[in-house]
N, C-alpha and C. Protein backbone atom coordinates (compact mmCIF):
# COMPACT_ATOMS: atom_id res chain seq x y z
N MET A 1 -71.24 -43.84 -126.09
CA MET A 1 -71.03 -43.78 -127.70
C MET A 1 -69.56 -44.02 -127.82
N VAL A 2 -68.48 -43.55 -126.69
CA VAL A 2 -67.37 -44.04 -127.03
C VAL A 2 -67.11 -45.46 -126.76
N LYS A 3 -67.75 -46.04 -126.02
CA LYS A 3 -67.70 -47.57 -125.93
C LYS A 3 -67.86 -47.91 -127.27
N LYS A 4 -69.01 -47.79 -127.77
CA LYS A 4 -69.72 -48.03 -129.01
C LYS A 4 -68.66 -48.38 -130.13
N ILE A 5 -67.91 -46.78 -130.22
CA ILE A 5 -66.77 -46.84 -131.10
C ILE A 5 -65.61 -47.90 -131.13
N ILE A 6 -64.99 -47.80 -129.72
CA ILE A 6 -64.27 -48.94 -129.56
C ILE A 6 -64.26 -50.13 -130.23
N GLU A 7 -65.91 -50.49 -129.73
CA GLU A 7 -66.22 -51.81 -130.20
C GLU A 7 -65.84 -52.12 -131.43
N GLN A 8 -66.54 -51.00 -132.59
CA GLN A 8 -66.79 -51.16 -134.06
C GLN A 8 -65.13 -50.76 -134.75
N GLN A 9 -64.23 -50.64 -133.78
CA GLN A 9 -63.00 -50.02 -134.83
C GLN A 9 -62.45 -51.13 -135.59
N GLY A 10 -63.12 -52.18 -135.66
CA GLY A 10 -62.49 -53.26 -136.69
C GLY A 10 -63.03 -52.90 -137.75
N ASN A 11 -63.82 -51.52 -138.24
CA ASN A 11 -64.59 -51.33 -139.30
C ASN A 11 -63.66 -50.24 -139.70
N VAL A 12 -62.54 -49.54 -139.24
CA VAL A 12 -61.70 -48.81 -139.63
C VAL A 12 -60.86 -49.24 -140.59
N ASN A 13 -61.17 -48.34 -142.12
CA ASN A 13 -60.08 -48.83 -143.36
C ASN A 13 -58.75 -47.77 -143.07
N ASP A 14 -57.58 -48.38 -142.91
CA ASP A 14 -56.50 -47.50 -143.03
C ASP A 14 -55.67 -47.77 -144.22
N SER A 15 -56.27 -47.69 -145.33
CA SER A 15 -55.69 -48.25 -146.74
C SER A 15 -54.78 -46.93 -147.36
N CYS A 16 -54.66 -46.09 -146.73
CA CYS A 16 -54.30 -44.54 -147.38
C CYS A 16 -53.21 -44.01 -146.47
N PRO A 17 -51.53 -44.50 -146.22
CA PRO A 17 -51.02 -43.87 -145.52
C PRO A 17 -50.91 -42.31 -145.66
N GLU A 18 -51.03 -41.82 -146.66
CA GLU A 18 -50.98 -40.35 -147.01
C GLU A 18 -52.52 -39.38 -146.32
N CYS A 19 -53.43 -40.19 -146.16
CA CYS A 19 -54.67 -39.90 -145.78
C CYS A 19 -54.91 -39.97 -144.24
N GLY A 20 -54.27 -40.98 -143.68
CA GLY A 20 -54.83 -41.60 -142.52
C GLY A 20 -56.21 -42.03 -142.69
N SER A 21 -56.65 -42.60 -141.41
CA SER A 21 -57.84 -43.55 -140.96
C SER A 21 -58.83 -42.64 -141.62
N PHE A 22 -59.90 -43.43 -142.28
CA PHE A 22 -61.58 -42.94 -142.02
C PHE A 22 -62.35 -44.48 -141.53
N VAL A 23 -63.47 -43.85 -141.47
CA VAL A 23 -64.50 -44.94 -140.70
C VAL A 23 -65.72 -44.57 -141.48
N ASP A 24 -66.65 -45.78 -141.85
CA ASP A 24 -67.69 -45.53 -142.11
C ASP A 24 -68.72 -45.02 -141.39
N ILE A 25 -69.40 -43.56 -141.51
CA ILE A 25 -70.32 -43.34 -140.54
C ILE A 25 -71.21 -44.03 -139.77
N GLY A 26 -71.98 -44.99 -140.47
CA GLY A 26 -72.65 -45.73 -140.19
C GLY A 26 -72.04 -46.72 -139.00
N ALA A 27 -70.72 -46.80 -138.96
CA ALA A 27 -69.91 -47.77 -137.66
C ALA A 27 -70.00 -46.91 -136.58
N VAL A 28 -70.46 -45.81 -136.77
CA VAL A 28 -69.97 -44.62 -135.36
C VAL A 28 -71.42 -44.39 -134.85
N ILE A 29 -72.15 -43.84 -135.64
CA ILE A 29 -73.65 -43.97 -135.55
C ILE A 29 -74.66 -44.42 -135.78
N ASP A 30 -75.09 -45.06 -134.35
CA ASP A 30 -76.34 -45.97 -134.61
C ASP A 30 -78.02 -45.21 -134.87
N GLU A 31 -78.44 -45.10 -136.23
CA GLU A 31 -79.22 -44.54 -136.52
C GLU A 31 -80.81 -44.73 -135.60
N HIS A 32 -80.40 -45.85 -134.86
CA HIS A 32 -81.57 -45.93 -133.82
C HIS A 32 -81.36 -45.20 -132.30
N ASP A 33 -79.91 -44.52 -132.44
CA ASP A 33 -79.56 -44.00 -131.06
C ASP A 33 -80.05 -42.75 -131.18
N CYS A 34 -81.22 -42.65 -130.49
CA CYS A 34 -82.07 -41.05 -130.62
C CYS A 34 -82.27 -40.67 -129.10
N VAL A 35 -81.87 -41.33 -128.19
CA VAL A 35 -82.27 -41.31 -126.70
C VAL A 35 -81.23 -40.47 -125.92
N LEU A 36 -81.07 -39.46 -125.50
CA LEU A 36 -80.08 -39.11 -124.85
C LEU A 36 -80.37 -39.16 -123.03
N THR A 37 -80.14 -40.10 -122.31
CA THR A 37 -80.46 -40.06 -120.91
C THR A 37 -79.36 -39.18 -120.19
N ILE A 38 -80.04 -38.61 -118.89
CA ILE A 38 -79.23 -37.71 -118.29
C ILE A 38 -79.74 -37.37 -117.03
N LYS A 39 -79.14 -38.04 -115.87
CA LYS A 39 -79.46 -38.21 -114.50
C LYS A 39 -78.65 -37.32 -113.59
N SER A 40 -79.68 -36.73 -112.68
CA SER A 40 -79.23 -35.76 -112.02
C SER A 40 -79.79 -35.63 -110.42
N SER A 41 -78.83 -35.44 -109.56
CA SER A 41 -79.03 -35.25 -108.25
C SER A 41 -80.34 -33.84 -107.83
N SER A 42 -80.80 -34.67 -106.90
CA SER A 42 -82.02 -33.30 -106.39
C SER A 42 -81.39 -32.30 -106.05
N ASP A 43 -80.53 -31.66 -106.08
CA ASP A 43 -79.93 -30.30 -105.99
C ASP A 43 -79.54 -29.68 -107.31
N LYS A 44 -79.44 -30.24 -108.37
CA LYS A 44 -79.11 -29.92 -109.64
C LYS A 44 -80.08 -30.27 -110.35
N ILE A 45 -81.60 -30.20 -110.39
CA ILE A 45 -82.80 -30.41 -111.12
C ILE A 45 -83.00 -29.22 -112.28
N GLN A 46 -82.62 -27.74 -111.58
CA GLN A 46 -82.40 -26.54 -112.38
C GLN A 46 -81.53 -26.92 -113.63
N GLU A 47 -80.51 -27.28 -113.31
CA GLU A 47 -79.61 -27.43 -114.35
C GLU A 47 -79.90 -28.66 -115.64
N LEU A 48 -80.73 -29.35 -115.31
CA LEU A 48 -81.51 -30.57 -115.92
C LEU A 48 -82.31 -30.09 -116.93
N GLU A 49 -83.33 -29.33 -116.26
CA GLU A 49 -84.22 -28.53 -117.18
C GLU A 49 -83.59 -27.40 -118.10
N GLN A 50 -82.75 -26.88 -117.63
CA GLN A 50 -81.87 -25.91 -118.64
C GLN A 50 -81.53 -26.68 -119.90
N ILE A 51 -80.89 -28.01 -119.53
CA ILE A 51 -80.87 -28.37 -120.54
C ILE A 51 -81.78 -29.06 -121.57
N VAL A 52 -82.93 -29.72 -120.96
CA VAL A 52 -83.91 -29.53 -121.61
C VAL A 52 -84.35 -28.76 -122.75
N GLU A 53 -84.55 -27.22 -121.80
CA GLU A 53 -84.91 -26.31 -122.81
C GLU A 53 -84.19 -26.12 -123.69
N LYS A 54 -82.96 -25.96 -123.90
CA LYS A 54 -81.65 -25.77 -124.82
C LYS A 54 -82.42 -26.89 -125.84
N ALA A 55 -82.23 -28.43 -125.35
CA ALA A 55 -82.80 -29.14 -126.55
C ALA A 55 -84.06 -28.78 -127.56
N LYS A 56 -85.25 -28.30 -126.40
CA LYS A 56 -86.23 -27.93 -127.35
C LYS A 56 -86.23 -26.75 -128.06
N GLN A 57 -85.35 -25.94 -127.82
CA GLN A 57 -85.07 -24.59 -128.57
C GLN A 57 -84.39 -24.75 -129.77
N ARG A 58 -83.06 -25.67 -129.63
CA ARG A 58 -82.32 -26.24 -130.88
C ARG A 58 -83.22 -27.36 -131.95
N PHE A 59 -83.93 -27.76 -131.39
CA PHE A 59 -84.95 -29.06 -132.13
C PHE A 59 -86.09 -29.33 -132.09
N SER A 60 -87.05 -28.90 -133.16
CA SER A 60 -88.47 -28.62 -132.87
C SER A 60 -88.98 -29.83 -132.50
N ASN A 61 -88.67 -31.03 -132.76
CA ASN A 61 -89.48 -32.52 -132.43
C ASN A 61 -88.95 -33.14 -131.20
N VAL A 62 -88.61 -32.28 -130.06
CA VAL A 62 -87.97 -33.26 -129.36
C VAL A 62 -89.14 -33.64 -128.05
N GLU A 63 -88.92 -34.84 -127.64
CA GLU A 63 -89.89 -35.43 -126.59
C GLU A 63 -88.70 -35.55 -125.30
N VAL A 64 -89.20 -35.33 -124.17
CA VAL A 64 -88.93 -35.16 -122.91
C VAL A 64 -89.54 -36.40 -121.89
N ASN A 65 -89.20 -37.03 -121.49
CA ASN A 65 -89.49 -38.25 -120.40
C ASN A 65 -88.95 -38.01 -119.10
N TYR A 66 -89.32 -37.76 -118.07
CA TYR A 66 -89.15 -37.59 -116.72
C TYR A 66 -89.09 -38.46 -115.76
N THR A 67 -88.09 -39.23 -115.29
CA THR A 67 -88.49 -40.37 -114.42
C THR A 67 -87.37 -39.77 -112.80
N HIS A 68 -88.66 -39.88 -111.97
CA HIS A 68 -87.92 -39.67 -110.36
C HIS A 68 -87.14 -40.87 -109.87
N THR A 69 -85.92 -40.44 -109.32
CA THR A 69 -85.52 -41.99 -108.96
C THR A 69 -85.18 -41.47 -107.30
N GLY A 70 -84.77 -42.48 -106.76
CA GLY A 70 -84.29 -41.99 -105.40
C GLY A 70 -83.75 -40.98 -105.19
N ASP A 71 -82.61 -40.53 -105.65
CA ASP A 71 -81.69 -39.46 -105.32
C ASP A 71 -82.04 -38.28 -106.10
N GLY A 72 -82.55 -38.46 -106.78
CA GLY A 72 -82.98 -37.11 -107.98
C GLY A 72 -83.82 -37.41 -108.58
N GLU A 73 -83.06 -37.08 -110.25
CA GLU A 73 -84.10 -37.33 -111.54
C GLU A 73 -83.58 -37.45 -112.47
N SER A 74 -84.14 -38.10 -113.43
CA SER A 74 -83.37 -38.46 -114.63
C SER A 74 -84.39 -38.22 -115.97
N VAL A 75 -83.85 -37.65 -116.88
CA VAL A 75 -84.86 -37.24 -118.12
C VAL A 75 -84.18 -37.90 -119.29
N ASP A 76 -85.18 -38.59 -120.19
CA ASP A 76 -84.42 -38.82 -121.50
C ASP A 76 -84.98 -37.90 -122.69
N ILE A 77 -84.36 -37.51 -123.34
CA ILE A 77 -84.43 -36.53 -124.73
C ILE A 77 -84.54 -37.50 -125.65
N VAL A 78 -85.46 -37.40 -126.47
CA VAL A 78 -85.38 -38.30 -127.93
C VAL A 78 -85.98 -37.28 -128.82
N PHE A 79 -84.74 -37.49 -129.58
CA PHE A 79 -84.56 -36.84 -131.05
C PHE A 79 -85.25 -37.54 -132.03
N ASP A 80 -85.32 -36.64 -132.98
CA ASP A 80 -85.76 -37.08 -134.30
C ASP A 80 -84.78 -38.19 -134.99
N VAL A 81 -83.80 -37.72 -135.11
CA VAL A 81 -82.78 -38.64 -135.61
C VAL A 81 -81.63 -38.77 -134.71
N ALA A 82 -80.47 -39.74 -134.99
CA ALA A 82 -79.48 -40.03 -134.23
C ALA A 82 -78.51 -38.58 -134.17
N ALA A 83 -78.20 -37.98 -135.55
CA ALA A 83 -77.33 -37.26 -135.77
C ALA A 83 -77.67 -35.70 -134.85
N GLU A 84 -79.25 -35.48 -134.62
CA GLU A 84 -79.57 -34.26 -133.88
C GLU A 84 -79.08 -34.49 -132.23
N LYS A 85 -79.26 -35.86 -131.65
CA LYS A 85 -78.59 -36.02 -130.39
C LYS A 85 -77.26 -35.69 -130.58
N MET A 86 -76.40 -36.20 -131.55
CA MET A 86 -74.99 -36.38 -131.52
C MET A 86 -74.49 -34.77 -131.35
N ILE A 87 -75.09 -33.92 -132.40
CA ILE A 87 -75.00 -32.33 -132.55
C ILE A 87 -75.31 -31.89 -130.84
N PHE A 88 -76.20 -32.09 -130.73
CA PHE A 88 -76.80 -31.67 -129.34
C PHE A 88 -75.53 -32.05 -128.08
N GLN A 89 -74.93 -33.18 -128.16
CA GLN A 89 -74.22 -33.75 -127.31
C GLN A 89 -72.62 -32.93 -127.40
N LEU A 90 -72.35 -32.67 -128.71
CA LEU A 90 -71.21 -31.90 -128.60
C LEU A 90 -71.25 -30.46 -128.59
N GLU A 91 -72.37 -29.90 -128.67
CA GLU A 91 -72.77 -28.19 -128.70
C GLU A 91 -72.91 -28.24 -127.21
N ASN A 92 -73.15 -28.85 -126.59
CA ASN A 92 -73.69 -28.80 -124.72
C ASN A 92 -72.10 -29.89 -124.03
N GLN A 93 -71.34 -30.30 -124.53
CA GLN A 93 -70.42 -31.08 -123.97
C GLN A 93 -70.71 -31.88 -123.16
N LEU A 94 -71.91 -32.95 -123.51
CA LEU A 94 -72.37 -33.82 -122.98
C LEU A 94 -71.91 -35.15 -123.18
């Protein structure tokens, strides 16, 4: 997400020296960015499952897709809208 913000800094309009900079929220949040992917080593799968449970409790229409990797597991948490994903990431420091 941070990489995308840096790429889109050209959309920042700093025309008011008293107000500071502002950015069009559409330049920061991609409306189609609804998938949060989290990878975990095999010894931390329980933590991964706790994150998934938090997402399911916080948002009603969360879809979860697990993928086994060579050294652990990966999970895609699919939110209804990009704002839900962003809120969840901020609340859980992800």
